[in-house]
C-alpha atoms as a PDB file:
ATOM      1  CA  UNK A   1     -25.837   8.164  -0.639  1.00  0.00           C
ATOM      2  CA  UNK A   2     -22.540   8.724   0.524  1.00  0.00           C
ATOM      3  CA  UNK A   3     -19.117   8.215  -1.188  1.00  0.00           C
ATOM      4  CA  UNK A   4     -17.134   5.234  -0.418  1.00  0.00           C
ATOM      5  CA  UNK A   5     -13.287   5.324  -0.807  1.00  0.00           C
ATOM      6  CA  UNK A   6     -11.043   2.189  -1.690  1.00  0.00           C
ATOM      7  CA  UNK A   7      -7.193   2.366  -1.713  1.00  0.00           C
ATOM      8  CA  UNK A   8      -4.977   0.484  -3.285  1.00  0.00           C
ATOM      9  CA  UNK A   9      -1.396   0.668  -1.629  1.00  0.00           C
ATOM     10  CA  UNK A  10       2.355  -0.549  -1.473  1.00  0.00           C
ATOM     11  CA  UNK A  11       4.203  -1.218   1.527  1.00  0.00           C
ATOM     12  CA  UNK A  12       7.723  -2.248   2.079  1.00  0.00           C
ATOM     13  CA  UNK A  13      10.192  -3.095   4.986  1.00  0.00           C
ATOM     14  CA  UNK A  14      13.205  -0.915   6.265  1.00  0.00           C
ATOM     15  CA  UNK A  15      15.595  -1.898   3.632  1.00  0.00           C
ATOM     16  CA  UNK A  16      12.917  -2.253   0.890  1.00  0.00           C
ATOM     17  CA  UNK A  17      13.720  -5.709  -0.222  1.00  0.00           C
ATOM     18  CA  UNK A  18      10.051  -6.776   0.388  1.00  0.00           C
ATOM     19  CA  UNK A  19       6.999  -5.192  -1.477  1.00  0.00           C
ATOM     20  CA  UNK A  20       3.490  -5.882  -0.176  1.00  0.00           C
ATOM     21  CA  UNK A  21       0.644  -4.498  -2.467  1.00  0.00           C
ATOM     22  CA  UNK A  22      -2.926  -4.633  -0.959  1.00  0.00           C
ATOM     23  CA  UNK A  23      -6.219  -2.945  -1.437  1.00  0.00           C
ATOM     24  CA  UNK A  24      -8.527  -1.732   1.692  1.00  0.00           C
ATOM     25  CA  UNK A  25     -11.424   0.526   2.330  1.00  0.00           C
ATOM     26  CA  UNK A  26      -9.755   1.939   5.364  1.00  0.00           C
ATOM     27  CA  UNK A  27      -6.077   2.987   4.859  1.00  0.00           C
ATOM     28  CA  UNK A  28      -5.081   4.471   8.070  1.00  0.00           C
ATOM     29  CA  UNK A  29      -6.556   1.375  10.029  1.00  0.00           C
ATOM     30  CA  UNK A  30      -5.011  -1.138   7.486  1.00  0.00           C
ATOM     31  CA  UNK A  31      -1.403   0.433   7.549  1.00  0.00           C
ATOM     32  CA  UNK A  32      -1.791   0.570  11.571  1.00  0.00           C
ATOM     33  CA  UNK A  33      -2.295  -3.311  11.440  1.00  0.00           C
ATOM     34  CA  UNK A  34       0.694  -3.444   9.296  1.00  0.00           C
ATOM     35  CA  UNK A  35       2.918  -1.593  11.499  1.00  0.00           C
ATOM     36  CA  UNK A  36       1.644  -3.503  14.737  1.00  0.00           C
ATOM     37  CA  UNK A  37       1.739  -7.077  12.897  1.00  0.00           C
ATOM     38  CA  UNK A  38      -2.140  -7.374  13.368  1.00  0.00           C
ATOM     39  CA  UNK A  39      -2.362  -8.161   9.450  1.00  0.00           C
ATOM     40  CA  UNK A  40      -1.317 -11.216   7.370  1.00  0.00           C
ATOM     41  CA  UNK A  41       1.390 -13.393   8.388  1.00  0.00           C
ATOM     42  CA  UNK A  42       3.271 -12.502   5.204  1.00  0.00           C
ATOM     43  CA  UNK A  43       3.641  -8.804   6.209  1.00  0.00           C
ATOM     44  CA  UNK A  44       4.817  -9.728   9.984  1.00  0.00           C
ATOM     45  CA  UNK A  45       7.082 -12.436   8.590  1.00  0.00           C
ATOM     46  CA  UNK A  46       8.997  -9.685   6.419  1.00  0.00           C
ATOM     47  CA  UNK A  47       8.153  -6.819   9.028  1.00  0.00           C
ATOM     48  CA  UNK A  48       6.490  -4.777   6.142  1.00  0.00           C
ATOM     49  CA  UNK A  49       5.220  -1.584   7.772  1.00  0.00           C
ATOM     50  CA  UNK A  50       6.104   1.383   5.792  1.00  0.00           C
ATOM     51  CA  UNK A  51       3.436   2.587   3.440  1.00  0.00           C
ATOM     52  CA  UNK A  52       5.329   3.992   0.439  1.00  0.00           C
ATOM     53  CA  UNK A  53       2.583   4.317  -2.097  1.00  0.00           C
ATOM     54  CA  UNK A  54      -1.512   4.659  -2.435  1.00  0.00           C
ATOM     55  CA  UNK A  55      -3.801   5.293  -4.832  1.00  0.00           C
ATOM     56  CA  UNK A  56      -7.658   6.306  -4.194  1.00  0.00           C
ATOM     57  CA  UNK A  57     -10.729   4.792  -5.947  1.00  0.00           C
ATOM     58  CA  UNK A  58     -14.611   4.885  -5.525  1.00  0.00           C
ATOM     59  CA  UNK A  59     -15.279   2.047  -7.211  1.00  0.00           C
ATOM     60  CA  UNK A  60     -13.928  -1.070  -5.501  1.00  0.00           C
ATOM     61  CA  UNK A  61     -14.013  -2.935  -8.995  1.00  0.00           C
ATOM     62  CA  UNK A  62     -11.747  -0.366 -10.270  1.00  0.00           C
ATOM     63  CA  UNK A  63      -9.421  -0.807  -7.029  1.00  0.00           C
ATOM     64  CA  UNK A  64      -9.238  -4.655  -6.988  1.00  0.00           C
ATOM     65  CA  UNK A  65      -8.461  -4.257 -10.668  1.00  0.00           C
ATOM     66  CA  UNK A  66      -5.524  -1.740  -9.900  1.00  0.00           C
ATOM     67  CA  UNK A  67      -4.471  -3.813  -7.398  1.00  0.00           C
ATOM     68  CA  UNK A  68      -4.151  -7.176  -9.605  1.00  0.00           C
ATOM     69  CA  UNK A  69      -2.459  -4.987 -12.464  1.00  0.00           C
ATOM     70  CA  UNK A  70       0.564  -3.444 -10.002  1.00  0.00           C
ATOM     71  CA  UNK A  71       0.661  -7.195  -8.518  1.00  0.00           C
ATOM     72  CA  UNK A  72       1.210  -8.569 -11.876  1.00  0.00           C
ATOM     73  CA  UNK A  73       3.779  -6.163 -12.734  1.00  0.00           C
ATOM     74  CA  UNK A  74       7.432  -6.939 -12.597  1.00  0.00           C
ATOM     75  CA  UNK A  75       9.505  -5.369  -9.163  1.00  0.00           C
ATOM     76  CA  UNK A  76      10.950  -2.661 -11.479  1.00  0.00           C
ATOM     77  CA  UNK A  77       7.524  -1.627 -12.837  1.00  0.00           C
ATOM     78  CA  UNK A  78       6.495  -1.155  -9.246  1.00  0.00           C
ATOM     79  CA  UNK A  79       9.543   0.733  -8.017  1.00  0.00           C
ATOM     80  CA  UNK A  80       8.956   3.093 -10.711  1.00  0.00           C
ATOM     81  CA  UNK A  81       5.667   3.515  -9.681  1.00  0.00           C
ATOM     82  CA  UNK A  82       6.623   4.092  -6.107  1.00  0.00           C
ATOM     83  CA  UNK A  83       9.314   6.680  -7.195  1.00  0.00           C
ATOM     84  CA  UNK A  84       6.960   8.493  -9.429  1.00  0.00           C
ATOM     85  CA  UNK A  85       4.685   9.534  -6.042  1.00  0.00           C
ATOM     86  CA  UNK A  86       7.219   8.900  -3.206  1.00  0.00           C
ATOM     87  CA  UNK A  87      11.205   9.492  -4.845  1.00  0.00           C
ATOM     88  CA  UNK A  88      12.402   9.154  -1.645  1.00  0.00           C
ATOM     89  CA  UNK A  89      10.352   6.002  -0.303  1.00  0.00           C
ATOM     90  CA  UNK A  90       9.348   7.949   2.786  1.00  0.00           C
ATOM     91  CA  UNK A  91       6.721   6.468   5.032  1.00  0.00           C
ATOM     92  CA  UNK A  92       3.366   8.170   3.965  1.00  0.00           C
ATOM     93  CA  UNK A  93       1.780   7.125   7.371  1.00  0.00           C
ATOM     94  CA  UNK A  94       2.142  10.258   8.928  1.00  0.00           C
ATOM     95  CA  UNK A  95       0.925  12.295   6.145  1.00  0.00           C
ATOM     96  CA  UNK A  96      -2.199  10.316   6.052  1.00  0.00           C
ATOM     97  CA  UNK A  97      -2.990  10.586   9.493  1.00  0.00           C
ATOM     98  CA  UNK A  98      -2.329  14.233   9.795  1.00  0.00           C
END
């Protein structure tokens, strides 16, 4: 039996005014969809196309629970979380496809 991976991720726009939190089973595909506006209209509308944070899970229920926890938190809690992994708010897409 193979192990499946699930990702909770946060994306933003160029000026960091909008934060989007999601969950997926294929992070590179999902980020690509956001970058080229193939995803939800929210991310297209606000030009959310930079991956700035992610976590990996092997249990989809844990991933969904974590996504809900992050979404329920304040903007400052999300910023603190992002800075803990990615202090410069770099687009991590290039790192995950390398």
